[in-house]
């Protein structure tokens, strides 16, 4: 083990002989010893040539690597379960071609094993581009910077390896479930307003205030065609109507300041992302809250915050007050302080049998059971807390 560590240290700091290099070195020493004993000139010549080859083979790999530059392209975010596309470019700014190279991208252990590529030739004043796909299993924000170049050029007698610092950042978003319905979100604000206009009403509308006219697109309802304008412009023109929304405000709160079980917390993050985008499609004024990041809006910002959020993080922002909340938590006591007309989503641990009800009878919610399909559970109607909440 110590010899392997020494060889690795030697390869990273200077060069280390390959099997052929050790063989030639031993042979050169034997020939030199034989020449000393026999005083034969031809043995001196052969041993001298062998030592000269070894010296040249030890110097050239270091020079070859020193003249190369590495560039890393930005990594586009993906959702958990998709593949990251990682692209590297190796520049050869020298007048001589570079051959017989290995490139290793040292990924963080949470993301996967180091990825390597053998490169036969990089032409002079040119570059070699390498792309590979890295599967992802878990959301997160991953940082790494080490790239390693390794070569044995030109004779393969010595190996030389050098590290380069090329920072990389990969964002893996949590999975977003496609919910067909979510009564827990649909009920937000229903206590205060009798009538709400949404995009579904717009699809069925035949009259209303016209916002603008635009060219017909495939799939537009024919009842919205403005015939006079269509005759004038010699193409179908469609009326776009003003969409009136209720303007409800909703804050989806992920109780990230609590201590969760790891698997249950990942379910809660997926639920928060799914509920957020369902509320966006329902034209609610929705924001996300976490203990570390506070209030966030905007799809990309929300996904990045959920990719980076960790359980039991420091509470840097207080829970919003006096507005409807949808609290995702694993602590029963945190639901007792919710304002009226808020909602809760309780993530029960596998060994939990029952949950005492929140104090406010106006708060409705759902208990999410570990091990069951999360998408189906989020599409169930909420239960109002009367008496005690039994496990569904």
Protein backbone atom coordinates (compact mmCIF):
# COMPACT_ATOMS: atom_id res chain seq x y z
CA UNK A 1 0.00 0.00 0.00
CA UNK A 2 2.83 2.39 0.86
CA UNK A 3 4.53 1.68 -2.46
CA UNK A 4 1.29 2.49 -4.29
CA UNK A 5 0.92 5.73 -2.36
CA UNK A 6 4.53 6.64 -3.13
CA UNK A 7 4.04 5.90 -6.83
CA UNK A 8 0.88 8.03 -6.86
CA UNK A 9 2.69 10.89 -5.12
CA UNK A 10 5.61 10.58 -7.54
CA UNK A 11 3.27 10.63 -10.55
CA UNK A 12 1.50 13.77 -9.29
CA UNK A 13 4.72 15.59 -8.33
CA UNK A 14 7.14 14.49 -10.97
CA UNK A 15 6.89 11.27 -13.06
CA UNK A 16 6.65 7.58 -12.25
CA UNK A 17 8.03 4.76 -14.42
CA UNK A 18 5.63 2.46 -16.19
CA UNK A 19 6.24 -1.30 -16.39
CA UNK A 20 8.27 -0.81 -19.56
CA UNK A 21 10.19 2.01 -17.89
CA UNK A 22 11.14 -0.15 -14.91
CA UNK A 23 12.17 -2.93 -17.27
CA UNK A 24 14.39 -0.64 -19.34
CA UNK A 25 15.89 0.91 -16.20
CA UNK A 26 16.84 -2.49 -14.75
CA UNK A 27 18.23 -3.59 -18.13
CA UNK A 28 20.31 -0.40 -18.44
CA UNK A 29 21.77 -0.89 -14.95
CA UNK A 30 22.64 -4.52 -15.73
CA UNK A 31 24.29 -3.53 -19.01
CA UNK A 32 26.29 -0.82 -17.28
CA UNK A 33 27.45 -3.30 -14.64
CA UNK A 34 28.44 -5.81 -17.32
CA UNK A 35 30.32 -3.10 -19.22
CA UNK A 36 32.21 -2.14 -16.08
CA UNK A 37 33.29 -5.75 -15.47
CA UNK A 38 34.19 -6.59 -19.07
CA UNK A 39 35.34 -3.14 -20.22
CA UNK A 40 33.40 -3.77 -23.45
CA UNK A 41 32.73 -0.53 -25.32
CA UNK A 42 29.56 -1.70 -27.04
CA UNK A 43 27.96 -2.42 -23.65
CA UNK A 44 28.74 1.14 -22.55
CA UNK A 45 27.08 2.41 -25.73
CA UNK A 46 23.90 0.36 -25.21
CA UNK A 47 23.60 1.29 -21.53
CA UNK A 48 24.26 4.96 -22.35
CA UNK A 49 21.55 4.98 -25.03
CA UNK A 50 19.14 3.31 -22.59
CA UNK A 51 19.80 5.95 -19.91
CA UNK A 52 19.41 8.72 -22.50
CA UNK A 53 16.00 7.32 -23.55
CA UNK A 54 14.91 7.18 -19.92
CA UNK A 55 15.90 10.81 -19.31
CA UNK A 56 14.11 12.01 -22.44
CA UNK A 57 11.03 9.92 -21.59
CA UNK A 58 10.96 11.45 -18.09
CA UNK A 59 11.20 15.08 -19.27
CA UNK A 60 8.83 15.17 -22.25
CA UNK A 61 5.55 14.16 -20.48
CA UNK A 62 5.86 17.09 -18.06
CA UNK A 63 6.47 19.54 -20.88
CA UNK A 64 3.59 18.10 -22.91
CA UNK A 65 1.04 18.59 -20.13
CA UNK A 66 2.29 22.06 -19.18
CA UNK A 67 1.38 23.45 -22.59
CA UNK A 68 -2.28 22.38 -22.47
CA UNK A 69 -5.26 24.41 -21.25
CA UNK A 70 -8.63 23.13 -20.06
CA UNK A 71 -11.99 24.87 -20.39
CA UNK A 72 -15.32 23.82 -18.87
CA UNK A 73 -18.67 24.80 -20.36
CA UNK A 74 -21.58 25.88 -18.11
CA UNK A 75 -23.73 22.93 -17.00
CA UNK A 76 -27.44 23.28 -17.63
CA UNK A 77 -29.70 22.39 -14.67
CA UNK A 78 -31.72 19.18 -14.84
CA UNK A 79 -34.33 17.47 -12.69
CA UNK A 80 -33.48 14.50 -10.50
CA UNK A 81 -33.39 11.34 -12.58
CA UNK A 82 -32.18 13.12 -15.73
CA UNK A 83 -28.61 13.20 -17.05
CA UNK A 84 -26.28 16.15 -16.68
CA UNK A 85 -24.46 17.12 -19.89
CA UNK A 86 -20.87 17.98 -18.98
CA UNK A 87 -18.65 19.42 -21.70
CA UNK A 88 -14.90 20.01 -21.53
CA UNK A 89 -12.55 21.48 -24.10
CA UNK A 90 -8.81 20.78 -24.24
CA UNK A 91 -6.81 23.54 -25.99
CA UNK A 92 -3.42 22.95 -27.58
CA UNK A 93 -1.85 26.37 -28.12
CA UNK A 94 1.52 24.90 -29.05
CA UNK A 95 2.93 24.41 -32.55
CA UNK A 96 3.38 20.67 -31.98
CA UNK A 97 0.53 18.14 -31.76
CA UNK A 98 -0.22 16.50 -28.39
CA UNK A 99 -0.94 12.81 -28.31
CA UNK A 100 -1.70 9.92 -25.95
CA UNK A 101 -3.54 11.86 -23.26
CA UNK A 102 -6.02 10.97 -20.52
CA UNK A 103 -8.46 13.46 -18.97
CA UNK A 104 -10.19 12.72 -15.65
CA UNK A 105 -13.06 14.77 -14.25
CA UNK A 106 -13.11 14.23 -10.46
CA UNK A 107 -16.83 14.42 -9.66
CA UNK A 108 -18.04 14.72 -6.06
CA UNK A 109 -18.81 11.35 -4.50
CA UNK A 110 -22.52 12.26 -4.12
CA UNK A 111 -22.78 12.68 -7.89
CA UNK A 112 -20.82 9.65 -9.09
CA UNK A 113 -17.43 8.18 -9.89
CA UNK A 114 -14.69 10.14 -11.69
CA UNK A 115 -15.13 10.13 -15.46
CA UNK A 116 -12.19 9.65 -17.81
CA UNK A 117 -11.46 9.99 -21.53
CA UNK A 118 -8.51 8.80 -23.61
CA UNK A 119 -7.48 11.27 -26.32
CA UNK A 120 -5.33 10.05 -29.16
CA UNK A 121 -4.38 13.38 -30.73
CA UNK A 122 -4.91 17.13 -30.29
CA UNK A 123 -3.74 19.01 -33.42
CA UNK A 124 -1.50 22.09 -33.04
CA UNK A 125 -3.32 25.39 -32.46
CA UNK A 126 -6.56 23.46 -32.12
CA UNK A 127 -8.78 21.92 -29.45
CA UNK A 128 -10.47 18.65 -28.53
CA UNK A 129 -14.00 18.76 -27.11
CA UNK A 130 -15.32 16.01 -24.85
CA UNK A 131 -18.92 15.69 -23.65
CA UNK A 132 -20.35 13.02 -21.41
CA UNK A 133 -23.62 12.37 -19.62
CA UNK A 134 -23.73 11.92 -15.87
CA UNK A 135 -26.86 10.29 -14.37
CA UNK A 136 -28.38 11.96 -11.33
CA UNK A 137 -30.30 10.37 -8.50
CA UNK A 138 -30.74 13.11 -5.91
CA UNK A 139 -31.44 16.83 -6.03
CA UNK A 140 -28.75 19.21 -4.90
CA UNK A 141 -26.23 21.88 -5.84
CA UNK A 142 -22.90 20.21 -6.60
CA UNK A 143 -19.54 21.98 -6.74
CA UNK A 144 -16.21 20.56 -7.83
CA UNK A 145 -13.09 21.87 -9.55
CA UNK A 146 -10.41 19.21 -10.04
CA UNK A 147 -9.49 17.99 -13.50
CA UNK A 148 -6.51 15.70 -14.06
CA UNK A 149 -4.35 15.33 -17.15
CA UNK A 150 -2.26 12.17 -17.53
CA UNK A 151 0.15 11.20 -20.28
CA UNK A 152 3.02 8.85 -21.07
CA UNK A 153 3.98 10.49 -24.35
CA UNK A 154 6.10 9.93 -26.38
CA UNK A 155 7.59 6.55 -25.41
CA UNK A 156 5.27 5.35 -22.67
CA UNK A 157 8.16 4.76 -20.28
CA UNK A 158 7.00 7.28 -17.64
CA UNK A 159 3.58 8.47 -16.49
CA UNK A 160 2.97 12.08 -15.55
CA UNK A 161 -0.26 13.40 -13.97
CA UNK A 162 -1.17 16.98 -13.12
CA UNK A 163 -4.29 18.53 -11.57
CA UNK A 164 -5.98 21.64 -12.91
CA UNK A 165 -8.51 23.75 -11.05
CA UNK A 166 -11.51 24.36 -13.32
CA UNK A 167 -14.55 25.16 -11.12
CA UNK A 168 -17.87 23.53 -11.97
CA UNK A 169 -21.39 23.94 -10.61
CA UNK A 170 -24.26 21.58 -11.36
CA UNK A 171 -27.82 22.13 -10.13
CA UNK A 172 -30.16 19.14 -9.92
CA UNK A 173 -33.75 20.26 -9.38
CA UNK A 174 -36.21 18.18 -7.37
CA UNK A 175 -38.74 16.16 -9.31
CA UNK A 176 -41.99 17.99 -10.13
CA UNK A 177 -45.10 15.81 -10.14
CA UNK A 178 -47.77 16.55 -12.75
CA UNK A 179 -50.89 16.95 -10.64
CA UNK A 180 -54.25 16.84 -12.42
CA UNK A 181 -55.95 18.32 -9.38
CA UNK A 182 -55.08 19.42 -5.89
CA UNK A 183 -58.08 20.29 -3.68
CA UNK A 184 -55.70 21.48 -0.98
CA UNK A 185 -54.56 24.35 -3.23
CA UNK A 186 -57.87 24.84 -5.03
CA UNK A 187 -59.59 25.62 -1.73
CA UNK A 188 -57.21 28.50 -0.89
CA UNK A 189 -59.19 31.72 -0.90
CA UNK A 190 -62.51 30.01 -1.58
CA UNK A 191 -63.79 31.21 1.81
CA UNK A 192 -63.38 34.87 0.81
CA UNK A 193 -64.55 34.89 -2.81
CA UNK A 194 -67.58 33.40 -4.44
CA UNK A 195 -66.33 33.52 -8.00
CA UNK A 196 -62.86 33.03 -9.47
CA UNK A 197 -61.88 33.35 -13.13
CA UNK A 198 -59.05 31.15 -14.32
CA UNK A 199 -57.49 30.00 -17.55
CA UNK A 200 -60.11 27.23 -17.81
CA UNK A 201 -62.88 29.89 -17.88
CA UNK A 202 -60.94 31.70 -20.57
CA UNK A 203 -60.90 28.63 -22.79
CA UNK A 204 -64.73 28.50 -22.62
CA UNK A 205 -65.32 32.25 -22.92
CA UNK A 206 -67.09 33.72 -25.95
CA UNK A 207 -67.43 37.35 -24.85
CA UNK A 208 -65.56 39.82 -22.70
CA UNK A 209 -63.10 42.69 -22.99
CA UNK A 210 -60.76 42.14 -25.93
CA UNK A 211 -57.13 42.73 -25.01
CA UNK A 212 -55.58 42.37 -28.45
CA UNK A 213 -55.82 40.61 -31.79
CA UNK A 214 -53.28 38.10 -33.01
CA UNK A 215 -52.84 35.59 -35.83
CA UNK A 216 -54.64 32.28 -35.52
CA UNK A 217 -52.63 29.40 -34.07
CA UNK A 218 -53.38 25.73 -34.35
CA UNK A 219 -55.67 24.73 -31.49
CA UNK A 220 -57.30 28.15 -30.93
CA UNK A 221 -61.11 27.97 -30.52
CA UNK A 222 -62.91 29.08 -33.68
CA UNK A 223 -65.45 31.03 -31.61
CA UNK A 224 -62.71 33.59 -30.81
CA UNK A 225 -62.01 34.38 -34.49
CA UNK A 226 -62.62 38.07 -35.31
CA UNK A 227 -64.15 37.81 -38.76
CA UNK A 228 -63.94 41.48 -39.78
CA UNK A 229 -60.24 41.68 -39.01
CA UNK A 230 -59.68 38.31 -40.66
CA UNK A 231 -61.24 39.62 -43.89
CA UNK A 232 -59.15 42.80 -43.71
CA UNK A 233 -55.80 41.07 -43.14
CA UNK A 234 -56.62 38.08 -45.35
CA UNK A 235 -55.81 35.65 -42.52
CA UNK A 236 -57.59 34.40 -39.46
CA UNK A 237 -57.26 36.80 -36.52
CA UNK A 238 -58.12 35.67 -32.99
CA UNK A 239 -59.31 37.83 -30.09
CA UNK A 240 -57.35 37.59 -26.84
CA UNK A 241 -59.64 38.33 -23.89
CA UNK A 242 -58.67 39.90 -20.60
CA UNK A 243 -58.23 37.20 -17.98
CA UNK A 244 -59.63 38.25 -14.61
CA UNK A 245 -58.17 36.41 -11.67
CA UNK A 246 -59.13 36.43 -8.03
CA UNK A 247 -55.66 37.61 -7.03
CA UNK A 248 -55.36 35.18 -4.15
CA UNK A 249 -52.04 35.13 -2.41
CA UNK A 250 -50.56 31.83 -1.31
CA UNK A 251 -47.27 31.06 0.39
CA UNK A 252 -46.03 27.46 0.33
CA UNK A 253 -43.92 27.07 3.46
CA UNK A 254 -41.40 24.27 3.77
CA UNK A 255 -40.50 23.80 7.43
CA UNK A 256 -36.80 23.36 6.69
CA UNK A 257 -35.79 24.54 10.14
CA UNK A 258 -37.13 21.31 11.65
CA UNK A 259 -35.31 18.01 12.02
CA UNK A 260 -36.70 15.52 9.49
CA UNK A 261 -35.97 11.98 8.48
CA UNK A 262 -33.91 12.19 5.29
CA UNK A 263 -36.28 10.27 3.01
CA UNK A 264 -39.34 12.10 4.31
CA UNK A 265 -37.68 15.48 3.79
CA UNK A 266 -36.96 14.59 0.15
CA UNK A 267 -40.66 13.79 -0.27
CA UNK A 268 -41.54 17.16 1.24
CA UNK A 269 -39.24 18.98 -1.20
CA UNK A 270 -40.86 17.18 -4.15
CA UNK A 271 -44.30 18.06 -2.78
CA UNK A 272 -43.34 21.73 -2.38
CA UNK A 273 -42.13 21.95 -5.98
CA UNK A 274 -45.21 20.16 -7.31
CA UNK A 275 -47.64 22.32 -5.33
CA UNK A 276 -45.87 25.52 -6.37
CA UNK A 277 -46.17 24.84 -10.09
CA UNK A 278 -49.72 23.59 -9.72
CA UNK A 279 -50.60 26.92 -8.05
CA UNK A 280 -48.85 28.80 -10.87
CA UNK A 281 -51.00 26.96 -13.42
CA UNK A 282 -54.08 27.89 -11.35
CA UNK A 283 -53.04 31.57 -11.66
CA UNK A 284 -52.52 32.08 -7.94
CA UNK A 285 -50.06 34.66 -6.66
CA UNK A 286 -47.82 32.00 -5.14
CA UNK A 287 -44.47 32.21 -3.39
CA UNK A 288 -42.22 29.76 -1.61
CA UNK A 289 -40.83 30.16 1.90
CA UNK A 290 -37.96 28.28 3.53
CA UNK A 291 -36.27 28.97 6.83
CA UNK A 292 -32.95 29.78 5.17
CA UNK A 293 -33.97 31.62 1.99
CA UNK A 294 -37.21 33.35 3.06
CA UNK A 295 -39.84 34.29 0.48
CA UNK A 296 -39.01 33.39 -3.13
CA UNK A 297 -40.97 33.74 -6.36
CA UNK A 298 -40.27 32.75 -9.94
CA UNK A 299 -40.00 29.23 -11.28
CA UNK A 300 -36.23 29.10 -11.73
CA UNK A 301 -35.50 30.75 -8.38
CA UNK A 302 -37.86 28.39 -6.59
CA UNK A 303 -36.30 25.31 -8.18
CA UNK A 304 -32.79 26.48 -7.31
CA UNK A 305 -33.84 27.17 -3.71
CA UNK A 306 -35.43 23.72 -3.41
CA UNK A 307 -32.35 22.11 -4.92
CA UNK A 308 -30.16 23.71 -2.25
CA UNK A 309 -32.46 23.52 0.78
CA UNK A 310 -31.39 21.34 3.69
CA UNK A 311 -33.30 20.13 6.71
CA UNK A 312 -32.54 21.53 10.17
CA UNK A 313 -31.05 24.69 8.66
CA UNK A 314 -30.75 27.92 10.60
CA UNK A 315 -33.99 29.91 10.77
CA UNK A 316 -32.98 33.22 9.20
CA UNK A 317 -36.50 34.32 8.21
CA UNK A 318 -39.68 34.23 10.28
CA UNK A 319 -42.79 32.44 9.05
CA UNK A 320 -45.11 34.88 7.18
CA UNK A 321 -48.16 36.05 9.10
CA UNK A 322 -51.70 37.19 8.20
CA UNK A 323 -51.69 35.60 4.74
CA UNK A 324 -52.88 32.15 3.63
CA UNK A 325 -50.16 29.57 4.11
CA UNK A 326 -49.70 26.01 3.00
CA UNK A 327 -47.33 24.57 5.57
CA UNK A 328 -45.33 21.41 4.83
CA UNK A 329 -44.03 20.10 8.12
CA UNK A 330 -43.21 17.06 10.21
CA UNK A 331 -43.90 18.83 13.51
CA UNK A 332 -47.49 18.73 14.77
CA UNK A 333 -46.97 21.70 17.09
CA UNK A 334 -46.06 24.03 14.20
CA UNK A 335 -49.60 23.76 12.80
CA UNK A 336 -51.31 25.21 15.86
CA UNK A 337 -50.21 28.79 15.10
CA UNK A 338 -51.52 28.88 11.53
CA UNK A 339 -53.90 31.68 10.57
CA UNK A 340 -57.45 30.83 9.57
CA UNK A 341 -58.02 29.61 6.02
CA UNK A 342 -54.45 28.30 5.87
CA UNK A 343 -53.64 24.69 4.97
CA UNK A 344 -51.12 22.14 6.17
CA UNK A 345 -49.45 19.05 4.80
CA UNK A 346 -48.16 16.78 7.54
CA UNK A 347 -45.48 14.20 6.71
CA UNK A 348 -45.81 11.39 9.23
CA UNK A 349 -42.89 9.17 10.12
CA UNK A 350 -43.28 5.43 9.38
CA UNK A 351 -43.64 4.53 13.06
CA UNK A 352 -46.21 7.25 13.81
CA UNK A 353 -49.74 5.96 14.38
CA UNK A 354 -51.79 9.09 15.02
CA UNK A 355 -51.66 12.86 15.15
CA UNK A 356 -53.51 15.23 17.45
CA UNK A 357 -55.52 17.85 15.59
CA UNK A 358 -54.47 21.50 15.25
CA UNK A 359 -56.24 23.92 17.52
CA UNK A 360 -57.83 25.96 14.74
CA UNK A 361 -60.87 24.20 13.34
CA UNK A 362 -60.72 26.39 10.23
CA UNK A 363 -57.44 24.82 9.05
CA UNK A 364 -57.65 21.84 6.76
CA UNK A 365 -54.87 19.60 5.64
CA UNK A 366 -53.58 16.21 4.64
CA UNK A 367 -51.40 13.62 6.25
CA UNK A 368 -48.83 12.17 3.85
CA UNK A 369 -47.88 8.60 4.57
CA UNK A 370 -44.36 7.42 3.87
CA UNK A 371 -44.11 4.63 1.31
CA UNK A 372 -47.31 5.44 -0.56
CA UNK A 373 -47.62 7.18 -3.92
CA UNK A 374 -47.05 10.90 -3.27
CA UNK A 375 -48.87 12.09 -6.40
CA UNK A 376 -52.08 10.31 -5.45
CA UNK A 377 -51.92 11.57 -1.88
CA UNK A 378 -51.54 15.20 -2.98
CA UNK A 379 -54.66 14.88 -5.15
CA UNK A 380 -56.87 13.76 -2.26
CA UNK A 381 -59.39 16.22 -0.74
CA UNK A 382 -58.24 17.82 2.54
CA UNK A 383 -59.61 16.80 5.94
CA UNK A 384 -60.82 19.47 8.33
CA UNK A 385 -59.50 19.01 11.83
CA UNK A 386 -62.47 18.10 14.01
CA UNK A 387 -61.62 16.13 17.11
CA UNK A 388 -58.63 13.99 16.17
CA UNK A 389 -56.97 13.25 12.89
CA UNK A 390 -56.82 9.57 12.19
CA UNK A 391 -54.27 8.17 9.83
CA UNK A 392 -55.86 7.60 6.44
